[in-house]
PDB file of N, CA and C in Angstrom:
ATOM      1  N   MET A   1      25.852  13.176 -21.342  1.00  0.00           N
ATOM      2  CA  MET A   1      24.602  13.577 -20.745  1.00  0.00           C
ATOM      3  C   MET A   1      23.464  13.150 -21.672  1.00  0.00           C
ATOM      4  N   LYS A   2      22.390  12.672 -21.074  1.00  0.00           N
ATOM      5  CA  LYS A   2      21.228  12.213 -21.811  1.00  0.00           C
ATOM      6  C   LYS A   2      20.279  13.380 -22.065  1.00  0.00           C
ATOM      7  N   ALA A   3      19.871  13.573 -23.313  1.00  0.00           N
ATOM      8  CA  ALA A   3      18.946  14.645 -23.666  1.00  0.00           C
ATOM      9  C   ALA A   3      17.514  14.197 -23.417  1.00  0.00           C
ATOM     10  N   ILE A   4      16.698  15.112 -22.944  1.00  0.00           N
ATOM     11  CA  ILE A   4      15.283  14.835 -22.697  1.00  0.00           C
ATOM     12  C   ILE A   4      14.490  15.219 -23.943  1.00  0.00           C
ATOM     13  N   ASN A   5      13.642  14.312 -24.374  1.00  0.00           N
ATOM     14  CA  ASN A   5      12.771  14.547 -25.512  1.00  0.00           C
ATOM     15  C   ASN A   5      11.923  15.792 -25.236  1.00  0.00           C
ATOM     16  N   LYS A   6      11.799  16.673 -26.222  1.00  0.00           N
ATOM     17  CA  LYS A   6      11.048  17.921 -26.043  1.00  0.00           C
ATOM     18  C   LYS A   6       9.590  17.673 -25.695  1.00  0.00           C
ATOM     19  N   ASN A   7       9.038  16.522 -26.071  1.00  0.00           N
ATOM     20  CA  ASN A   7       7.652  16.211 -25.735  1.00  0.00           C
ATOM     21  C   ASN A   7       7.455  16.090 -24.226  1.00  0.00           C
ATOM     22  N   PHE A   8       8.536  15.840 -23.512  1.00  0.00           N
ATOM     23  CA  PHE A   8       8.447  15.622 -22.071  1.00  0.00           C
ATOM     24  C   PHE A   8       8.867  16.848 -21.267  1.00  0.00           C
ATOM     25  N   ILE A   9       9.146  17.953 -21.938  1.00  0.00           N
ATOM     26  CA  ILE A   9       9.689  19.134 -21.278  1.00  0.00           C
ATOM     27  C   ILE A   9       8.735  19.709 -20.226  1.00  0.00           C
ATOM     28  N   ASN A  10       7.425  19.561 -20.412  1.00  0.00           N
ATOM     29  CA  ASN A  10       6.458  20.108 -19.463  1.00  0.00           C
ATOM     30  C   ASN A  10       6.101  19.132 -18.347  1.00  0.00           C
ATOM     31  N   CYS A  11       6.767  18.015 -18.302  1.00  0.00           N
ATOM     32  CA  CYS A  11       6.515  17.028 -17.256  1.00  0.00           C
ATOM     33  C   CYS A  11       7.417  17.298 -16.056  1.00  0.00           C
ATOM     34  N   ARG A  12       6.876  17.064 -14.877  1.00  0.00           N
ATOM     35  CA  ARG A  12       7.681  17.217 -13.661  1.00  0.00           C
ATOM     36  C   ARG A  12       8.641  16.045 -13.501  1.00  0.00           C
ATOM     37  N   HIS A  13       8.290  14.896 -14.069  1.00  0.00           N
ATOM     38  CA  HIS A  13       9.098  13.677 -13.966  1.00  0.00           C
ATOM     39  C   HIS A  13       9.308  13.109 -15.376  1.00  0.00           C
ATOM     40  N   PRO A  14      10.085  13.806 -16.200  1.00  0.00           N
ATOM     41  CA  PRO A  14      10.184  13.429 -17.613  1.00  0.00           C
ATOM     42  C   PRO A  14      10.735  12.027 -17.860  1.00  0.00           C
ATOM     43  N   GLU A  15      11.721  11.603 -17.101  1.00  0.00           N
ATOM     44  CA  GLU A  15      12.291  10.269 -17.336  1.00  0.00           C
ATOM     45  C   GLU A  15      11.286   9.177 -16.985  1.00  0.00           C
ATOM     46  N   ASP A  16      10.532   9.373 -15.899  1.00  0.00           N
ATOM     47  CA  ASP A  16       9.510   8.406 -15.532  1.00  0.00           C
ATOM     48  C   ASP A  16       8.386   8.393 -16.563  1.00  0.00           C
ATOM     49  N   ALA A  17       7.957   9.573 -17.007  1.00  0.00           N
ATOM     50  CA  ALA A  17       6.879   9.663 -18.000  1.00  0.00           C
ATOM     51  C   ALA A  17       7.300   8.979 -19.305  1.00  0.00           C
ATOM     52  N   GLU A  18       8.541   9.167 -19.706  1.00  0.00           N
ATOM     53  CA  GLU A  18       9.030   8.535 -20.927  1.00  0.00           C
ATOM     54  C   GLU A  18       9.039   7.012 -20.774  1.00  0.00           C
ATOM     55  N   ARG A  19       9.469   6.534 -19.627  1.00  0.00           N
ATOM     56  CA  ARG A  19       9.482   5.086 -19.385  1.00  0.00           C
ATOM     57  C   ARG A  19       8.061   4.519 -19.377  1.00  0.00           C
ATOM     58  N   ILE A  20       7.141   5.210 -18.736  1.00  0.00           N
ATOM     59  CA  ILE A  20       5.751   4.764 -18.710  1.00  0.00           C
ATOM     60  C   ILE A  20       5.183   4.729 -20.127  1.00  0.00           C
ATOM     61  N   GLN A  21       5.491   5.734 -20.926  1.00  0.00           N
ATOM     62  CA  GLN A  21       5.000   5.770 -22.303  1.00  0.00           C
ATOM     63  C   GLN A  21       5.502   4.555 -23.085  1.00  0.00           C
ATOM     64  N   LYS A  22       6.759   4.203 -22.929  1.00  0.00           N
ATOM     65  CA  LYS A  22       7.318   3.028 -23.611  1.00  0.00           C
ATOM     66  C   LYS A  22       6.657   1.741 -23.130  1.00  0.00           C
ATOM     67  N   ILE A  23       6.405   1.657 -21.834  1.00  0.00           N
ATOM     68  CA  ILE A  23       5.743   0.477 -21.272  1.00  0.00           C
ATOM     69  C   ILE A  23       4.334   0.349 -21.852  1.00  0.00           C
ATOM     70  N   LEU A  24       3.616   1.455 -21.923  1.00  0.00           N
ATOM     71  CA  LEU A  24       2.278   1.425 -22.498  1.00  0.00           C
ATOM     72  C   LEU A  24       2.313   1.013 -23.963  1.00  0.00           C
ATOM     73  N   LEU A  25       3.247   1.567 -24.721  1.00  0.00           N
ATOM     74  CA  LEU A  25       3.377   1.200 -26.130  1.00  0.00           C
ATOM     75  C   LEU A  25       3.643  -0.295 -26.289  1.00  0.00           C
ATOM     76  N   ASN A  26       4.479  -0.838 -25.432  1.00  0.00           N
ATOM     77  CA  ASN A  26       4.782  -2.272 -25.489  1.00  0.00           C
ATOM     78  C   ASN A  26       3.571  -3.131 -25.143  1.00  0.00           C
ATOM     79  N   ASN A  27       2.566  -2.521 -24.522  1.00  0.00           N
ATOM     80  CA  ASN A  27       1.353  -3.246 -24.149  1.00  0.00           C
ATOM     81  C   ASN A  27       0.147  -2.834 -24.993  1.00  0.00           C
ATOM     82  N   GLY A  28       0.413  -2.141 -26.106  1.00  0.00           N
ATOM     83  CA  GLY A  28      -0.646  -1.816 -27.058  1.00  0.00           C
ATOM     84  C   GLY A  28      -1.427  -0.548 -26.790  1.00  0.00           C
ATOM     85  N   TYR A  29      -0.907   0.350 -25.956  1.00  0.00           N
ATOM     86  CA  TYR A  29      -1.582   1.605 -25.647  1.00  0.00           C
ATOM     87  C   TYR A  29      -0.723   2.778 -26.098  1.00  0.00           C
ATOM     88  N   THR A  30      -1.376   3.855 -26.490  1.00  0.00           N
ATOM     89  CA  THR A  30      -0.660   5.097 -26.768  1.00  0.00           C
ATOM     90  C   THR A  30      -1.134   6.144 -25.769  1.00  0.00           C
ATOM     91  N   ALA A  31      -0.237   6.990 -25.358  1.00  0.00           N
ATOM     92  CA  ALA A  31      -0.557   8.048 -24.400  1.00  0.00           C
ATOM     93  C   ALA A  31       0.454   9.168 -24.544  1.00  0.00           C
ATOM     94  N   SER A  32      -0.015  10.373 -24.289  1.00  0.00           N
ATOM     95  CA  SER A  32       0.887  11.524 -24.308  1.00  0.00           C
ATOM     96  C   SER A  32       1.765  11.486 -23.062  1.00  0.00           C
ATOM     97  N   PRO A  33       2.860  12.225 -23.070  1.00  0.00           N
ATOM     98  CA  PRO A  33       3.698  12.296 -21.876  1.00  0.00           C
ATOM     99  C   PRO A  33       2.928  12.754 -20.632  1.00  0.00           C
ATOM    100  N   LYS A  34       2.063  13.765 -20.786  1.00  0.00           N
ATOM    101  CA  LYS A  34       1.289  14.243 -19.638  1.00  0.00           C
ATOM    102  C   LYS A  34       0.300  13.184 -19.150  1.00  0.00           C
ATOM    103  N   GLU A  35      -0.291  12.432 -20.071  1.00  0.00           N
ATOM    104  CA  GLU A  35      -1.200  11.359 -19.663  1.00  0.00           C
ATOM    105  C   GLU A  35      -0.441  10.287 -18.886  1.00  0.00           C
ATOM    106  N   CYS A  36       0.762   9.994 -19.330  1.00  0.00           N
ATOM    107  CA  CYS A  36       1.587   9.010 -18.632  1.00  0.00           C
ATOM    108  C   CYS A  36       1.891   9.479 -17.221  1.00  0.00           C
ATOM    109  N   GLU A  37       2.228  10.734 -17.112  1.00  0.00           N
ATOM    110  CA  GLU A  37       2.524  11.296 -15.797  1.00  0.00           C
ATOM    111  C   GLU A  37       1.275  11.271 -14.905  1.00  0.00           C
ATOM    112  N   ARG A  38       0.115  11.608 -15.473  1.00  0.00           N
ATOM    113  CA  ARG A  38      -1.133  11.587 -14.704  1.00  0.00           C
ATOM    114  C   ARG A  38      -1.487  10.182 -14.239  1.00  0.00           C
ATOM    115  N   LEU A  39      -1.249   9.179 -15.084  1.00  0.00           N
ATOM    116  CA  LEU A  39      -1.511   7.793 -14.673  1.00  0.00           C
ATOM    117  C   LEU A  39      -0.735   7.448 -13.413  1.00  0.00           C
ATOM    118  N   TRP A  40       0.554   7.802 -13.425  1.00  0.00           N
ATOM    119  CA  TRP A  40       1.373   7.468 -12.250  1.00  0.00           C
ATOM    120  C   TRP A  40       1.005   8.346 -11.053  1.00  0.00           C
ATOM    121  N   GLU A  41       0.619   9.584 -11.301  1.00  0.00           N
ATOM    122  CA  GLU A  41       0.150  10.443 -10.212  1.00  0.00           C
ATOM    123  C   GLU A  41      -1.107   9.858  -9.571  1.00  0.00           C
ATOM    124  N   ASP A  42      -2.012   9.351 -10.398  1.00  0.00           N
ATOM    125  CA  ASP A  42      -3.231   8.738  -9.868  1.00  0.00           C
ATOM    126  C   ASP A  42      -2.888   7.528  -9.003  1.00  0.00           C
ATOM    127  N   TYR A  43      -1.976   6.709  -9.492  1.00  0.00           N
ATOM    128  CA  TYR A  43      -1.569   5.549  -8.695  1.00  0.00           C
ATOM    129  C   TYR A  43      -0.906   6.006  -7.391  1.00  0.00           C
ATOM    130  N   SER A  44       0.008   6.949  -7.482  1.00  0.00           N
ATOM    131  CA  SER A  44       0.703   7.444  -6.294  1.00  0.00           C
ATOM    132  C   SER A  44      -0.281   8.036  -5.293  1.00  0.00           C
ATOM    133  N   ASP A  45      -1.251   8.809  -5.801  1.00  0.00           N
ATOM    134  CA  ASP A  45      -2.272   9.399  -4.922  1.00  0.00           C
ATOM    135  C   ASP A  45      -3.061   8.312  -4.196  1.00  0.00           C
ATOM    136  N   SER A  46      -3.341   7.221  -4.883  1.00  0.00           N
ATOM    137  CA  SER A  46      -4.104   6.145  -4.255  1.00  0.00           C
ATOM    138  C   SER A  46      -3.320   5.482  -3.120  1.00  0.00           C
ATOM    139  N   MET A  47      -2.023   5.672  -3.125  1.00  0.00           N
ATOM    140  CA  MET A  47      -1.166   5.117  -2.087  1.00  0.00           C
ATOM    141  C   MET A  47      -0.774   6.199  -1.069  1.00  0.00           C
ATOM    142  N   ALA A  48      -1.473   7.342  -1.133  1.00  0.00           N
ATOM    143  CA  ALA A  48      -1.229   8.478  -0.240  1.00  0.00           C
ATOM    144  C   ALA A  48       0.210   8.981  -0.335  1.00  0.00           C
ATOM    145  N   ALA A  49       0.702   9.053  -1.573  1.00  0.00           N
ATOM    146  CA  ALA A  49       2.066   9.533  -1.811  1.00  0.00           C
ATOM    147  C   ALA A  49       2.023  10.631  -2.870  1.00  0.00           C
ATOM    148  N   GLY A  50       2.970  11.537  -2.805  1.00  0.00           N
ATOM    149  CA  GLY A  50       3.053  12.584  -3.812  1.00  0.00           C
ATOM    150  C   GLY A  50       3.493  12.034  -5.158  1.00  0.00           C
ATOM    151  N   TRP A  51       4.605  11.316  -5.171  1.00  0.00           N
ATOM    152  CA  TRP A  51       5.113  10.679  -6.390  1.00  0.00           C
ATOM    153  C   TRP A  51       5.947   9.487  -5.942  1.00  0.00           C
ATOM    154  N   MET A  52       5.485   8.310  -6.282  1.00  0.00           N
ATOM    155  CA  MET A  52       6.215   7.099  -5.907  1.00  0.00           C
ATOM    156  C   MET A  52       7.246   6.783  -6.983  1.00  0.00           C
ATOM    157  N   GLY A  53       8.398   6.298  -6.564  1.00  0.00           N
ATOM    158  CA  GLY A  53       9.385   5.849  -7.523  1.00  0.00           C
ATOM    159  C   GLY A  53       8.855   4.652  -8.291  1.00  0.00           C
ATOM    160  N   LEU A  54       9.201   4.565  -9.559  1.00  0.00           N
ATOM    161  CA  LEU A  54       8.743   3.448 -10.381  1.00  0.00           C
ATOM    162  C   LEU A  54       9.469   2.166  -9.986  1.00  0.00           C
ATOM    163  N   PRO A  55       8.750   1.038 -10.008  1.00  0.00           N
ATOM    164  CA  PRO A  55       9.406  -0.251  -9.742  1.00  0.00           C
ATOM    165  C   PRO A  55      10.439  -0.555 -10.811  1.00  0.00           C
ATOM    166  N   GLU A  56      11.359  -1.439 -10.495  1.00  0.00           N
ATOM    167  CA  GLU A  56      12.400  -1.827 -11.456  1.00  0.00           C
ATOM    168  C   GLU A  56      11.834  -2.498 -12.689  1.00  0.00           C
ATOM    169  N   LYS A  57      10.894  -3.402 -12.495  1.00  0.00           N
ATOM    170  CA  LYS A  57      10.366  -4.203 -13.604  1.00  0.00           C
ATOM    171  C   LYS A  57       9.230  -3.465 -14.308  1.00  0.00           C
ATOM    172  N   ASP A  58       9.321  -3.443 -15.639  1.00  0.00           N
ATOM    173  CA  ASP A  58       8.287  -2.785 -16.436  1.00  0.00           C
ATOM    174  C   ASP A  58       6.917  -3.408 -16.213  1.00  0.00           C
ATOM    175  N   GLU A  59       6.868  -4.723 -16.074  1.00  0.00           N
ATOM    176  CA  GLU A  59       5.569  -5.368 -15.878  1.00  0.00           C
ATOM    177  C   GLU A  59       4.921  -4.946 -14.557  1.00  0.00           C
ATOM    178  N   ASP A  60       5.734  -4.618 -13.567  1.00  0.00           N
ATOM    179  CA  ASP A  60       5.185  -4.122 -12.304  1.00  0.00           C
ATOM    180  C   ASP A  60       4.603  -2.716 -12.466  1.00  0.00           C
ATOM    181  N   VAL A  61       5.259  -1.901 -13.277  1.00  0.00           N
ATOM    182  CA  VAL A  61       4.733  -0.552 -13.564  1.00  0.00           C
ATOM    183  C   VAL A  61       3.381  -0.693 -14.267  1.00  0.00           C
ATOM    184  N   PHE A  62       3.341  -1.528 -15.305  1.00  0.00           N
ATOM    185  CA  PHE A  62       2.104  -1.699 -16.063  1.00  0.00           C
ATOM    186  C   PHE A  62       0.987  -2.236 -15.170  1.00  0.00           C
ATOM    187  N   TRP A  63       1.292  -3.188 -14.342  1.00  0.00           N
ATOM    188  CA  TRP A  63       0.291  -3.766 -13.441  1.00  0.00           C
ATOM    189  C   TRP A  63      -0.303  -2.686 -12.541  1.00  0.00           C
ATOM    190  N   ARG A  64       0.540  -1.790 -12.051  1.00  0.00           N
ATOM    191  CA  ARG A  64       0.072  -0.749 -11.138  1.00  0.00           C
ATOM    192  C   ARG A  64      -0.805   0.296 -11.832  1.00  0.00           C
ATOM    193  N   ILE A  65      -0.512   0.613 -13.085  1.00  0.00           N
ATOM    194  CA  ILE A  65      -1.301   1.647 -13.766  1.00  0.00           C
ATOM    195  C   ILE A  65      -2.468   1.067 -14.567  1.00  0.00           C
ATOM    196  N   SER A  66      -2.485  -0.222 -14.774  1.00  0.00           N
ATOM    197  CA  SER A  66      -3.523  -0.812 -15.626  1.00  0.00           C
ATOM    198  C   SER A  66      -4.932  -0.547 -15.099  1.00  0.00           C
ATOM    199  N   GLY A  67      -5.093  -0.449 -13.803  1.00  0.00           N
ATOM    200  CA  GLY A  67      -6.403  -0.160 -13.229  1.00  0.00           C
ATOM    201  C   GLY A  67      -6.903   1.256 -13.499  1.00  0.00           C
ATOM    202  N   TYR A  68      -6.023   2.122 -13.948  1.00  0.00           N
ATOM    203  CA  TYR A  68      -6.386   3.514 -14.211  1.00  0.00           C
ATOM    204  C   TYR A  68      -6.546   3.810 -15.698  1.00  0.00           C
ATOM    205  N   LEU A  69      -6.237   2.842 -16.547  1.00  0.00           N
ATOM    206  CA  LEU A  69      -6.279   3.085 -17.989  1.00  0.00           C
ATOM    207  C   LEU A  69      -7.668   3.408 -18.503  1.00  0.00           C
ATOM    208  N   ASP A  70      -8.692   2.793 -17.960  1.00  0.00           N
ATOM    209  CA  ASP A  70     -10.065   3.066 -18.424  1.00  0.00           C
ATOM    210  C   ASP A  70     -10.425   4.535 -18.288  1.00  0.00           C
ATOM    211  N   ASP A  71      -9.867   5.205 -17.306  1.00  0.00           N
ATOM    212  CA  ASP A  71     -10.149   6.637 -17.107  1.00  0.00           C
ATOM    213  C   ASP A  71      -9.580   7.493 -18.222  1.00  0.00           C
ATOM    214  N   TYR A  72      -8.633   6.957 -18.982  1.00  0.00           N
ATOM    215  CA  TYR A  72      -7.948   7.732 -20.011  1.00  0.00           C
ATOM    216  C   TYR A  72      -8.257   7.283 -21.429  1.00  0.00           C
ATOM    217  N   LEU A  73      -9.008   6.197 -21.569  1.00  0.00           N
ATOM    218  CA  LEU A  73      -9.321   5.693 -22.909  1.00  0.00           C
ATOM    219  C   LEU A  73     -10.434   6.503 -23.545  1.00  0.00           C
ATOM    220  N   ASP A  74     -10.324   6.690 -24.849  1.00  0.00           N
ATOM    221  CA  ASP A  74     -11.380   7.430 -25.587  1.00  0.00           C
ATOM    222  C   ASP A  74     -12.626   6.594 -25.705  1.00  0.00           C
TER     223      ASP A  74
END
């Protein structure tokens, strides 16, 4: 069984949030687990969905959330 990182315990979609966080790190961004979850929630909301499943390819995930990154940058 795979253990969930304690940083993701308050996330509704911890595995997705963890994957998004890794994708962001690989693209030069840092974000908390909750911020990662909010990014995908914002994208899902824009598509009139509660929570969309993440695409298989990491670059597709990044492409979809990249338009929302400015809202989260300091």
